[in-house]
Protein backbone atom coordinates (compact mmCIF):
# COMPACT_ATOMS: atom_id res chain seq x y z
CA MET A 1 -20.16 -8.92 -31.00
CA ALA A 2 -16.92 -9.22 -29.01
CA SER A 3 -16.56 -6.25 -26.64
CA GLY A 4 -12.75 -6.09 -26.72
CA LEU A 5 -9.59 -8.15 -26.68
CA ARG A 6 -8.62 -9.59 -23.30
CA ILE A 7 -5.25 -11.12 -24.10
CA LEU A 8 -3.24 -13.65 -22.10
CA VAL A 9 0.46 -13.90 -22.96
CA PRO A 10 2.32 -16.74 -21.21
CA VAL A 11 6.09 -16.13 -20.99
CA LYS A 12 8.91 -18.41 -19.88
CA ARG A 13 12.30 -17.68 -18.34
CA VAL A 14 14.84 -19.78 -20.27
CA ILE A 15 18.60 -19.98 -20.76
CA ASP A 16 19.56 -17.10 -23.04
CA TYR A 17 19.48 -18.13 -26.71
CA ALA A 18 23.07 -16.92 -27.24
CA ILE A 19 24.48 -19.27 -24.56
CA LYS A 20 25.84 -22.69 -25.53
CA PRO A 21 24.05 -25.09 -23.17
CA ARG A 22 26.07 -27.66 -21.18
CA ILE A 23 24.81 -31.00 -19.86
CA ASN A 24 24.84 -31.24 -16.05
CA LYS A 25 27.03 -33.81 -14.27
CA ALA A 26 24.10 -36.11 -13.46
CA GLN A 27 23.10 -36.15 -17.19
CA THR A 28 19.50 -35.35 -16.24
CA GLY A 29 19.28 -32.08 -18.15
CA VAL A 30 21.01 -28.83 -19.04
CA GLU A 31 23.10 -26.97 -16.43
CA THR A 32 21.09 -23.93 -15.34
CA ALA A 33 23.08 -22.70 -12.29
CA GLY A 34 25.06 -19.52 -12.89
CA VAL A 35 23.92 -19.29 -16.52
CA LYS A 36 22.36 -16.15 -18.06
CA HIS A 37 18.59 -16.46 -18.49
CA SER A 38 16.19 -14.30 -20.47
CA LEU A 39 12.68 -14.16 -21.89
CA ASN A 40 11.98 -17.01 -24.34
CA PRO A 41 12.38 -15.44 -27.85
CA PHE A 42 9.05 -16.81 -29.16
CA ASP A 43 7.27 -15.34 -26.12
CA GLU A 44 8.82 -11.94 -26.87
CA LEU A 45 7.03 -12.11 -30.23
CA SER A 46 3.73 -12.81 -28.44
CA VAL A 47 4.11 -9.83 -26.10
CA GLU A 48 5.06 -7.60 -29.03
CA GLU A 49 2.06 -8.74 -31.11
CA ALA A 50 -0.35 -8.14 -28.21
CA VAL A 51 1.02 -4.60 -27.84
CA ARG A 52 0.82 -4.01 -31.61
CA LEU A 53 -2.82 -5.15 -31.65
CA ARG A 54 -3.45 -2.35 -29.16
CA GLU A 55 -1.44 0.21 -31.17
CA ARG A 56 -3.13 -0.64 -34.48
CA LYS A 57 -6.51 0.51 -33.12
CA GLY A 58 -8.32 -2.12 -35.17
CA PRO A 59 -12.01 -3.04 -35.10
CA LEU A 60 -11.61 -4.36 -31.54
CA LYS A 61 -9.73 -2.41 -28.90
CA VAL A 62 -7.41 -4.23 -26.51
CA ASP A 63 -8.94 -4.07 -23.02
CA ASN A 64 -6.12 -5.80 -21.20
CA ILE A 65 -2.85 -7.69 -21.71
CA LEU A 66 -2.05 -10.16 -18.93
CA ALA A 67 1.42 -11.74 -18.84
CA LEU A 68 1.89 -15.00 -16.96
CA SER A 69 4.92 -17.05 -15.97
CA ALA A 70 5.43 -20.15 -13.82
CA GLY A 71 8.61 -20.81 -11.87
CA GLY A 72 10.82 -19.59 -9.02
CA PRO A 73 11.37 -16.03 -7.74
CA LYS A 74 13.41 -14.92 -10.77
CA CYS A 75 10.33 -15.26 -13.00
CA GLY A 76 9.36 -11.88 -11.58
CA ASP A 77 12.15 -10.28 -13.67
CA THR A 78 10.80 -11.96 -16.81
CA LEU A 79 7.32 -10.65 -16.09
CA ARG A 80 8.64 -7.12 -15.45
CA THR A 81 10.32 -7.28 -18.88
CA ALA A 82 6.98 -8.25 -20.46
CA MET A 83 5.28 -5.34 -18.67
CA ALA A 84 8.05 -2.96 -19.75
CA MET A 85 7.30 -4.03 -23.34
CA GLY A 86 3.63 -3.16 -22.83
CA ALA A 87 1.73 -5.83 -20.86
CA ASP A 88 -0.63 -4.25 -18.30
CA ARG A 89 -0.30 -6.69 -15.41
CA ALA A 90 1.17 -10.07 -14.54
CA PHE A 91 0.53 -13.33 -12.74
CA HIS A 92 3.49 -15.19 -11.26
CA ILE A 93 2.60 -18.84 -10.70
CA ASP A 94 4.96 -19.72 -7.87
CA VAL A 95 6.58 -23.10 -8.60
CA PRO A 96 9.50 -24.19 -6.36
CA GLU A 97 12.93 -24.01 -8.03
CA GLY A 98 13.41 -27.77 -7.52
CA ASN A 99 10.80 -28.37 -10.21
CA ALA A 100 12.25 -25.76 -12.53
CA GLY A 101 15.65 -27.39 -13.09
CA ASP A 102 14.23 -30.00 -15.43
CA GLY A 103 12.68 -27.53 -17.88
CA GLY A 104 9.85 -26.52 -15.57
CA LEU A 105 6.27 -27.76 -15.61
CA GLU A 106 5.21 -30.30 -18.22
CA PRO A 107 3.22 -28.90 -21.19
CA LEU A 108 -0.07 -30.50 -20.08
CA THR A 109 0.27 -28.98 -16.58
CA VAL A 110 1.00 -25.58 -18.15
CA ALA A 111 -2.02 -25.94 -20.46
CA LYS A 112 -4.29 -26.81 -17.49
CA THR A 113 -2.89 -23.81 -15.59
CA LEU A 114 -3.56 -21.49 -18.55
CA LYS A 115 -7.10 -22.89 -18.94
CA ALA A 116 -7.83 -22.03 -15.30
CA VAL A 117 -6.50 -18.48 -15.78
CA VAL A 118 -8.44 -18.04 -19.05
CA GLU A 119 -11.68 -18.94 -17.25
CA LYS A 120 -10.88 -16.91 -14.12
CA GLU A 121 -9.95 -13.76 -16.08
CA ASN A 122 -12.48 -14.07 -18.93
CA ILE A 123 -9.70 -14.14 -21.57
CA ASN A 124 -10.73 -14.34 -25.25
CA LEU A 125 -7.31 -14.48 -26.98
CA VAL A 126 -4.21 -16.39 -25.91
CA LEU A 127 -0.99 -15.45 -27.72
CA LEU A 128 1.89 -17.78 -26.91
CA GLY A 129 5.22 -18.73 -28.43
CA LYS A 130 5.14 -21.84 -30.62
CA GLN A 131 7.77 -23.40 -28.33
CA ALA A 132 10.14 -22.71 -25.47
CA ILE A 133 13.79 -22.99 -26.51
CA ASP A 134 14.69 -25.15 -23.50
CA GLY A 135 12.27 -28.08 -23.76
CA ASP A 136 11.47 -27.48 -27.47
CA GLN A 137 8.28 -29.48 -27.02
CA GLY A 138 5.93 -27.10 -28.82
CA GLN A 139 2.79 -28.64 -27.29
CA THR A 140 1.26 -26.17 -24.84
CA GLY A 141 -0.77 -24.06 -27.31
CA GLN A 142 -2.31 -27.09 -28.99
CA MET A 143 -3.12 -28.76 -25.65
CA LEU A 144 -4.73 -25.55 -24.37
CA ALA A 145 -6.91 -25.29 -27.49
CA GLY A 146 -7.96 -28.91 -26.95
CA LEU A 147 -8.80 -28.37 -23.26
CA LEU A 148 -10.82 -25.21 -23.99
CA GLY A 149 -12.39 -26.47 -27.23
CA TRP A 150 -11.23 -23.24 -28.95
CA PRO A 151 -9.99 -22.80 -32.53
CA GLN A 152 -6.20 -22.51 -32.89
CA ALA A 153 -3.80 -21.07 -35.44
CA THR A 154 -0.20 -22.15 -34.95
CA GLN A 155 3.13 -20.61 -35.98
CA ALA A 156 1.59 -17.30 -37.01
CA SER A 157 3.53 -14.95 -39.27
CA LYS A 158 0.66 -12.39 -39.53
CA VAL A 159 -2.37 -11.70 -37.31
CA GLU A 160 -5.27 -9.45 -38.33
CA VAL A 161 -8.52 -8.72 -36.49
CA LYS A 162 -11.00 -8.26 -39.35
CA ASP A 163 -14.23 -7.03 -37.73
CA GLU A 164 -16.11 -6.16 -34.54
CA ALA A 165 -17.58 -9.66 -34.42
CA GLY A 166 -14.10 -10.94 -33.51
CA THR A 167 -13.10 -12.59 -36.79
CA VAL A 168 -9.32 -13.11 -36.82
CA GLU A 169 -7.24 -13.96 -39.89
CA VAL A 170 -3.89 -15.65 -39.32
CA THR A 171 -1.23 -16.32 -41.95
CA HIS A 172 1.41 -18.99 -41.42
CA GLU A 173 3.98 -20.87 -43.44
CA VAL A 174 3.42 -24.50 -44.38
CA ASP A 175 5.65 -26.87 -46.39
CA GLY A 176 3.99 -25.90 -49.67
CA GLY A 177 3.91 -22.11 -49.13
CA ILE A 178 1.58 -19.78 -47.20
CA GLU A 179 -1.72 -20.76 -45.59
CA THR A 180 -4.36 -18.32 -44.31
CA LEU A 181 -6.73 -19.36 -41.55
CA LYS A 182 -9.85 -17.57 -40.35
CA ALA A 183 -11.53 -18.11 -36.98
CA LYS A 184 -13.75 -16.31 -34.50
CA LEU A 185 -12.76 -15.33 -30.98
CA PRO A 186 -12.14 -16.84 -28.51
CA MET A 187 -9.03 -18.50 -29.96
CA ILE A 188 -5.42 -19.58 -29.43
CA ILE A 189 -2.55 -18.27 -31.59
CA THR A 190 1.05 -19.50 -31.35
CA THR A 191 3.76 -17.20 -32.72
CA ASP A 192 6.68 -17.74 -35.10
CA LEU A 193 9.77 -15.69 -35.92
CA ARG A 194 8.42 -13.87 -39.00
CA LEU A 195 5.52 -12.32 -37.07
CA ASN A 196 7.31 -9.18 -35.88
CA GLU A 197 10.49 -7.71 -34.45
CA PRO A 198 10.13 -7.27 -30.67
CA ARG A 199 10.90 -3.82 -29.28
CA TYR A 200 13.49 -3.06 -26.63
CA ALA A 201 11.99 -1.91 -23.37
CA SER A 202 12.85 1.77 -22.86
CA LEU A 203 14.13 3.01 -19.48
CA PRO A 204 10.91 4.99 -18.74
CA ASN A 205 8.84 1.87 -19.51
CA ILE A 206 11.10 -0.28 -17.32
CA MET A 207 10.46 2.19 -14.47
CA LYS A 208 6.69 2.16 -15.16
CA ALA A 209 6.70 -1.65 -15.16
CA LYS A 210 7.84 -1.62 -11.53
CA LYS A 211 4.51 -0.03 -10.60
CA LYS A 212 2.29 -2.36 -12.63
CA PRO A 213 0.43 -5.06 -10.67
CA LEU A 214 2.24 -8.40 -10.31
CA GLU A 215 0.12 -10.99 -8.49
CA LYS A 216 1.67 -14.15 -7.04
CA ILE A 217 -0.51 -17.27 -7.05
CA THR A 218 0.06 -21.03 -6.78
CA LEU A 219 -1.05 -24.03 -8.82
CA ALA A 220 -3.26 -25.02 -5.88
CA ASP A 221 -5.06 -21.63 -6.10
CA LEU A 222 -6.00 -22.59 -9.64
CA GLY A 223 -6.92 -26.18 -8.76
CA VAL A 224 -4.02 -27.62 -10.77
CA GLU A 225 -1.67 -30.40 -9.62
CA ASP A 226 1.98 -30.63 -10.76
CA LYS A 227 1.64 -34.21 -11.90
CA ARG A 228 4.69 -35.73 -13.58
CA ARG A 229 3.95 -37.98 -16.54
CA LEU A 230 7.28 -37.77 -18.36
CA LYS A 231 10.63 -39.04 -17.14
CA THR A 232 13.98 -38.01 -18.65
CA LEU A 233 16.21 -41.07 -18.65
CA LYS A 234 19.43 -39.45 -19.83
CA VAL A 235 20.65 -36.29 -21.56
CA THR A 236 23.90 -36.46 -23.56
CA GLU A 237 25.85 -34.29 -25.97
CA PRO A 238 25.44 -35.17 -29.66
CA PRO A 239 28.49 -36.94 -31.14
CA ALA A 240 31.15 -34.62 -32.54
CA ARG A 241 30.77 -34.10 -36.27
CA GLN A 242 33.46 -35.62 -38.45
CA GLY A 243 35.27 -33.34 -40.88
CA GLY A 244 34.59 -33.66 -44.59
CA GLY A 245 37.03 -34.73 -47.28
CA LYS A 246 38.03 -33.11 -50.58
CA VAL A 247 37.78 -34.65 -54.05
CA GLU A 248 39.60 -33.51 -57.20
CA ASP A 249 36.77 -33.73 -59.73
CA VAL A 250 33.30 -35.12 -60.49
CA ASP A 251 34.67 -38.63 -61.14
CA GLY A 252 36.34 -38.54 -57.74
CA LEU A 253 33.05 -37.43 -56.15
CA VAL A 254 31.10 -40.27 -57.83
CA ALA A 255 33.76 -42.81 -56.76
CA LYS A 256 33.62 -41.52 -53.16
CA LEU A 257 29.83 -41.68 -53.05
CA LYS A 258 29.93 -45.26 -54.36
CA GLU A 259 32.51 -46.16 -51.75
CA LEU A 260 30.23 -44.78 -49.01
CA GLY A 261 27.25 -46.69 -50.40
CA ALA A 262 25.37 -43.50 -51.27
CA LEU A 263 25.09 -44.43 -54.95
């Protein structure tokens, strides 16, 4: 029997989703200086779902929700937002800003970091966004499940704890429709947009978040090395899209398609 849910929610500080990204002059990545940043939207869903699992008062109570972020000093703001939404405490993995300009740590390094925290804090459920909107790699959850040897359910649109033994049912969309997966804790769940609608942090909760514990640690404290395996050769804008043309009727459309070699 699982005693309670000890949830880890990794969150990432990314360029705000409403901002149009620009390539930097060196063409090594996206320009991050002087650009509005916010909590990765998929990670907001994870924080919200962790808090809802507590509010639902299901078969297993939520003992603790730990938010975690890796990066420079401004990650503290991201973690305070997660705590204002309902996380109980936070770990800030201090990674120098120089490493953060290229999208931050590589997914495998993040997965190894999360594995160390899972073992240190006796976590039995990791809820994380299916991807970060900056790197769009969508690999960390799967790598973490592989490193831990835990079951995983990706791109969740519904999460239900079914019994005191820690059976969890996860629904997600696949190409052919809806698939339902069942697994026992401990497990990894990655979140997708249909899962919930994240709450806004209220002013009282923002004030309370300032008093919640935020612990700063390093990769070295966790026995993890920031090893670089991937190299970005060049980042460029996609070519401008060409405007379409008009045709008078179906015959004109067929003739145009033939001309373009599409028929």
